Amino acid sequence: MVGERAAQGHGRDNNELFLKQDQAHSARMYDYYLGGKTNYAVDREAAQAVIRLFPAIETIARVNRAYMHRAARYLAEQGVRQFIDVGTGIPTAPNLHEVVQDVAPECRVVYIDNDPIVLVYADELLTGTSEGRTCFVQADATGPEAVFAAVEAENIVDFGQPVGLSLHALLHFIPDDRGPYDVVRSFMDRLVPGSYLSLTHCTGDFAPETWQAIIDTYAQRGTPAQVRTRAEVLRFFDGLELVDPEVVLAHQWRPQADSEPGFIADELVSLYAGVARKL
């Protein structure tokens, strides 16, 4: 399953980081899907198991990344100047801060992830413009209060002003028994009107049996996951004003000729995306 991050666990020190090299991690598997080098043999084995089930998983990873670039640029063009990216994952250029600071150099970005390997590479997330600011904090997405406390401690985000909240390829790693809808609601409740939510989410709508096999593959390697229907993804936006074209497959959200590969069948994408504004 595409995922720049996993949602389970809390911050860990580097000793635990190296002890965990014998267990596949969704962030490193995602890095492998994108052709990156920040992964271990156990991650490559797990990723190859998924690729055998669904070769298009690499296409989904690229589509997800391209969507992030378009959505982030869109929010910056709407005047948003501060961003919180929850579940950052291993840096892959261009990163979110590079996209938004290209539009407005004064943009401020806080990256959040619970995976200690991201901290190892966080320097790549901190090389922003002199006018703006970027930082990385280690926190768990399923604890919004702790996330906001960590963000506030950095003194970068003014919570009296609109924020662009990114939850890209994250929520399918939060099964229903961990309250994903409550997590999103808690995040948005803390943000002022004029803030935005952008998310992507894998779905089994087009190939349910294959996606169940993918979920099982992740679960067997210690990462619980749950794909959702379009109706279930829509629920994450309850109470918000969806931006056109609302919730669609990620490659269909405001596509640009230079950001997507050619024609892609819907079942090969299997990733919903949407942006919505808090009124």
Protein backbone atom coordinates (compact mmCIF):
# COMPACT_ATOMS: atom_id res chain seq x y z
CA MET A 1 0.00 0.00 0.00
CA VAL A 2 1.22 3.47 -0.79
CA GLY A 3 2.22 5.31 2.35
CA GLU A 4 4.77 7.96 3.12
CA ARG A 5 4.31 7.21 6.78
CA ALA A 6 2.88 4.84 9.33
CA ALA A 7 0.53 5.92 12.08
CA GLN A 8 1.40 3.49 14.85
CA GLY A 9 3.89 3.97 17.67
CA HIS A 10 5.44 7.00 19.32
CA GLY A 11 8.84 8.68 19.10
CA ARG A 12 11.85 6.37 19.37
CA ASP A 13 15.54 6.94 19.83
CA ASN A 14 18.18 6.03 17.29
CA ASN A 15 19.05 2.81 19.14
CA GLU A 16 15.55 1.53 18.46
CA LEU A 17 15.82 2.77 14.89
CA PHE A 18 18.66 0.38 14.18
CA LEU A 19 16.99 -2.45 16.09
CA LYS A 20 13.95 -2.11 13.83
CA GLN A 21 15.84 -2.80 10.62
CA ASP A 22 14.52 -6.38 10.71
CA GLN A 23 10.91 -5.20 10.34
CA ALA A 24 9.50 -3.64 7.18
CA HIS A 25 8.25 -0.08 7.50
CA SER A 26 5.67 1.57 5.28
CA ALA A 27 7.69 4.78 4.90
CA ARG A 28 10.73 2.88 3.64
CA MET A 29 8.55 0.70 1.40
CA TYR A 30 7.11 3.90 -0.09
CA ASP A 31 10.64 5.16 -0.64
CA TYR A 32 11.35 1.93 -2.54
CA TYR A 33 8.21 2.36 -4.68
CA LEU A 34 9.51 5.80 -5.64
CA GLY A 35 12.91 4.41 -6.57
CA GLY A 36 14.63 5.77 -3.46
CA LYS A 37 17.63 4.34 -1.61
CA THR A 38 16.53 4.86 2.01
CA ASN A 39 15.31 1.32 2.64
CA TYR A 40 16.57 -2.00 3.91
CA ALA A 41 16.42 -5.53 2.52
CA VAL A 42 13.38 -6.29 4.68
CA ASP A 43 11.57 -3.29 3.19
CA ARG A 44 12.47 -4.30 -0.35
CA GLU A 45 11.23 -7.85 0.27
CA ALA A 46 7.91 -6.56 1.61
CA ALA A 47 7.57 -4.03 -1.22
CA GLN A 48 8.27 -6.71 -3.81
CA ALA A 49 5.55 -8.87 -2.24
CA VAL A 50 3.10 -6.01 -2.75
CA ILE A 51 4.34 -5.34 -6.28
CA ARG A 52 3.72 -8.98 -7.17
CA LEU A 53 0.13 -8.57 -6.03
CA PHE A 54 -0.37 -5.16 -7.64
CA PRO A 55 2.40 -3.93 -9.96
CA ALA A 56 0.71 -0.53 -10.23
CA ILE A 57 1.61 0.30 -6.62
CA GLU A 58 4.62 2.20 -7.94
CA THR A 59 2.31 4.23 -10.18
CA ILE A 60 0.14 5.04 -7.16
CA ALA A 61 3.18 6.30 -5.25
CA ARG A 62 4.12 8.63 -8.12
CA VAL A 63 0.52 9.83 -8.53
CA ASN A 64 0.32 10.53 -4.80
CA ARG A 65 3.50 12.57 -4.91
CA ALA A 66 2.37 14.55 -7.95
CA TYR A 67 -0.96 15.29 -6.26
CA MET A 68 0.85 16.59 -3.18
CA HIS A 69 2.77 19.05 -5.33
CA ARG A 70 -0.40 20.35 -7.02
CA ALA A 71 -2.44 20.58 -3.83
CA ALA A 72 0.31 22.36 -1.90
CA ARG A 73 0.82 24.84 -4.72
CA TYR A 74 -2.95 25.42 -4.92
CA LEU A 75 -3.15 26.23 -1.19
CA ALA A 76 -0.21 28.62 -1.39
CA GLU A 77 -1.88 30.33 -4.34
CA GLN A 78 -5.01 30.73 -2.20
CA GLY A 79 -2.98 32.71 0.30
CA VAL A 80 -2.15 30.02 2.86
CA ARG A 81 1.24 30.80 4.35
CA GLN A 82 1.65 28.13 7.02
CA PHE A 83 1.44 24.37 6.67
CA ILE A 84 1.44 21.29 8.88
CA ASP A 85 2.37 18.06 7.11
CA VAL A 86 1.44 15.12 9.35
CA GLY A 87 3.27 11.91 8.49
CA THR A 88 6.03 13.44 6.43
CA GLY A 89 7.89 10.30 5.48
CA ILE A 90 11.39 10.10 4.06
CA PRO A 91 12.27 13.32 2.20
CA THR A 92 11.85 13.21 -1.58
CA ALA A 93 12.55 16.38 -3.55
CA PRO A 94 10.77 18.57 -4.12
CA ASN A 95 9.40 18.53 -0.59
CA LEU A 96 6.27 20.40 0.43
CA HIS A 97 8.14 23.45 1.74
CA GLU A 98 10.01 23.78 -1.56
CA VAL A 99 6.71 23.78 -3.46
CA VAL A 100 4.95 26.39 -1.32
CA GLN A 101 7.99 28.61 -0.84
CA ASP A 102 8.36 28.71 -4.60
CA VAL A 103 4.96 30.46 -4.60
CA ALA A 104 5.54 32.55 -1.48
CA PRO A 105 9.03 32.48 0.07
CA GLU A 106 7.66 33.49 3.49
CA CYS A 107 5.71 30.23 3.93
CA ARG A 108 6.30 28.32 7.15
CA VAL A 109 6.11 24.53 7.28
CA VAL A 110 6.12 22.06 10.16
CA TYR A 111 6.79 18.43 9.26
CA ILE A 112 5.59 15.71 11.64
CA ASP A 113 6.37 12.02 11.68
CA ASN A 114 6.67 9.29 14.30
CA ASP A 115 9.38 7.34 12.48
CA PRO A 116 12.91 7.97 13.81
CA ILE A 117 14.44 7.30 10.39
CA VAL A 118 12.76 10.49 9.15
CA LEU A 119 14.59 12.42 11.86
CA VAL A 120 17.89 11.07 10.52
CA TYR A 121 17.14 12.70 7.15
CA ALA A 122 15.34 15.77 8.52
CA ASP A 123 18.10 18.15 7.44
CA GLU A 124 16.68 17.87 3.93
CA LEU A 125 13.41 19.27 5.30
CA LEU A 126 15.05 22.29 6.90
CA THR A 127 16.72 23.95 3.91
CA GLY A 128 14.00 26.46 3.13
CA THR A 129 14.10 30.08 2.11
CA SER A 130 15.54 32.77 4.35
CA GLU A 131 12.13 34.48 4.43
CA GLY A 132 10.27 31.36 5.57
CA ARG A 133 10.82 28.72 8.23
CA THR A 134 10.70 24.92 8.30
CA CYS A 135 11.08 22.44 11.15
CA PHE A 136 10.57 18.76 11.94
CA VAL A 137 8.98 17.36 15.10
CA GLN A 138 8.56 13.73 16.10
CA ALA A 139 4.99 12.92 17.13
CA ASP A 140 2.21 10.40 16.54
CA ALA A 141 -0.65 11.28 14.20
CA THR A 142 -3.17 9.45 16.38
CA GLY A 143 -2.50 11.87 19.25
CA PRO A 144 -3.60 15.28 17.90
CA GLU A 145 -3.19 17.05 21.24
CA ALA A 146 0.42 15.90 21.50
CA VAL A 147 0.98 16.90 17.88
CA PHE A 148 -0.31 20.42 18.50
CA ALA A 149 1.73 20.73 21.69
CA ALA A 150 4.86 19.78 19.75
CA VAL A 151 4.03 22.26 16.99
CA GLU A 152 3.32 25.07 19.45
CA ALA A 153 6.67 24.45 21.14
CA GLU A 154 8.43 25.27 17.87
CA ASN A 155 6.74 28.71 17.73
CA ILE A 156 6.47 28.63 13.96
CA VAL A 157 2.72 28.33 13.39
CA ASP A 158 0.31 31.10 14.40
CA PHE A 159 -2.90 29.20 15.17
CA GLY A 160 -4.85 32.45 14.89
CA GLN A 161 -4.22 32.34 11.14
CA PRO A 162 -5.27 29.75 8.51
CA VAL A 163 -3.22 26.57 8.19
CA GLY A 164 -2.94 24.05 5.39
CA LEU A 165 -3.11 20.59 6.97
CA SER A 166 -1.76 17.69 4.90
CA LEU A 167 -2.69 14.08 5.67
CA HIS A 168 -1.33 12.43 2.56
CA ALA A 169 -1.21 8.62 2.38
CA LEU A 170 -1.68 8.47 6.13
CA LEU A 171 -5.26 7.60 7.04
CA HIS A 172 -5.26 4.15 5.45
CA PHE A 173 -2.74 3.26 8.15
CA ILE A 174 -5.25 4.16 10.88
CA PRO A 175 -7.87 1.39 11.10
CA ASP A 176 -11.35 2.16 12.38
CA ASP A 177 -10.56 0.83 15.86
CA ARG A 178 -8.07 3.68 16.26
CA GLY A 179 -10.62 6.40 15.51
CA PRO A 180 -9.42 7.96 12.24
CA TYR A 181 -12.47 10.21 11.90
CA ASP A 182 -11.98 11.51 15.43
CA VAL A 183 -8.32 12.16 14.62
CA VAL A 184 -9.19 14.32 11.61
CA ARG A 185 -11.95 16.12 13.49
CA SER A 186 -9.58 16.90 16.36
CA PHE A 187 -7.03 18.37 13.97
CA MET A 188 -9.55 20.54 12.17
CA ASP A 189 -11.25 21.70 15.37
CA ARG A 190 -7.99 23.36 16.41
CA LEU A 191 -7.64 25.28 13.15
CA VAL A 192 -9.34 28.60 12.39
CA PRO A 193 -11.83 29.18 9.55
CA GLY A 194 -10.04 29.61 6.25
CA SER A 195 -7.79 26.63 6.99
CA TYR A 196 -7.65 23.72 4.56
CA LEU A 197 -7.44 19.93 4.75
CA SER A 198 -5.73 17.97 1.98
CA LEU A 199 -5.65 14.18 2.07
CA THR A 200 -5.13 11.07 -0.03
CA HIS A 201 -6.39 7.59 0.79
CA CYS A 202 -6.06 4.17 -0.85
CA THR A 203 -9.28 2.42 -1.85
CA GLY A 204 -10.40 -1.07 -2.73
CA ASP A 205 -13.31 0.20 -4.81
CA PHE A 206 -11.84 -1.05 -8.08
CA ALA A 207 -10.08 -4.27 -7.03
CA PRO A 208 -11.33 -5.34 -3.57
CA GLU A 209 -9.77 -8.80 -3.49
CA THR A 210 -6.35 -7.51 -4.52
CA TRP A 211 -6.45 -4.76 -1.93
CA GLN A 212 -7.43 -7.20 0.79
CA ALA A 213 -4.37 -9.24 -0.12
CA ILE A 214 -2.24 -6.07 0.08
CA ILE A 215 -3.66 -5.25 3.51
CA ASP A 216 -2.87 -8.78 4.65
CA THR A 217 0.70 -8.41 3.36
CA TYR A 218 1.21 -5.25 5.42
CA ALA A 219 -0.45 -6.77 8.50
CA GLN A 220 1.78 -9.84 8.34
CA ARG A 221 4.75 -7.47 8.59
CA GLY A 222 3.41 -5.52 11.56
CA THR A 223 1.63 -2.62 9.87
CA PRO A 224 -2.18 -2.56 10.25
CA ALA A 225 -4.04 -0.90 7.39
CA GLN A 226 -7.53 -0.36 6.06
CA VAL A 227 -8.63 0.84 2.63
CA ARG A 228 -11.93 2.75 2.37
CA THR A 229 -14.63 3.44 -0.19
CA ARG A 230 -15.17 6.85 -1.71
CA ALA A 231 -18.16 7.38 0.62
CA GLU A 232 -15.96 6.57 3.61
CA VAL A 233 -13.25 8.94 2.42
CA LEU A 234 -15.86 11.68 1.97
CA ARG A 235 -16.69 11.38 5.67
CA PHE A 236 -13.29 12.81 6.55
CA PHE A 237 -14.45 16.10 5.03
CA ASP A 238 -17.71 16.36 7.00
CA GLY A 239 -18.42 19.99 7.90
CA LEU A 240 -15.89 21.34 5.40
CA GLU A 241 -16.37 22.94 1.99
CA LEU A 242 -14.86 20.73 -0.69
CA VAL A 243 -12.85 22.39 -3.44
CA ASP A 244 -13.70 21.39 -7.02
CA PRO A 245 -13.48 18.67 -8.27
CA GLU A 246 -14.20 17.42 -4.72
CA VAL A 247 -13.10 13.84 -3.92
CA VAL A 248 -11.74 12.13 -7.03
CA LEU A 249 -8.95 9.78 -7.94
CA ALA A 250 -5.69 11.59 -7.28
CA HIS A 251 -4.61 11.91 -10.91
CA GLN A 252 -7.97 13.57 -11.69
CA TRP A 253 -7.57 16.35 -9.11
CA ARG A 254 -6.70 19.49 -11.12
CA PRO A 255 -4.28 17.58 -13.39
CA GLN A 256 -1.44 19.33 -15.14
CA ALA A 257 0.10 18.03 -18.33
CA ASP A 258 3.62 18.04 -16.91
CA SER A 259 2.82 16.43 -13.54
CA GLU A 260 1.17 13.13 -14.49
CA PRO A 261 1.99 10.20 -16.76
CA GLY A 262 -0.33 9.60 -19.69
CA PHE A 263 -3.66 7.83 -19.48
CA ILE A 264 -4.00 5.70 -16.34
CA ALA A 265 -6.91 3.33 -15.74
CA ASP A 266 -8.82 4.12 -12.56
CA GLU A 267 -8.13 0.73 -11.01
CA LEU A 268 -4.39 1.34 -11.37
CA VAL A 269 -4.62 4.51 -9.30
CA SER A 270 -6.98 3.35 -6.50
CA LEU A 271 -6.15 6.49 -4.51
CA TYR A 272 -8.73 9.14 -3.65
CA ALA A 273 -7.73 12.73 -3.04
CA GLY A 274 -9.45 15.92 -2.00
CA VAL A 275 -9.00 19.42 -0.58
CA ALA A 276 -11.56 21.20 1.58
CA ARG A 277 -11.82 24.54 3.39
CA LYS A 278 -12.97 25.15 6.92
CA LEU A 279 -15.79 27.71 6.92
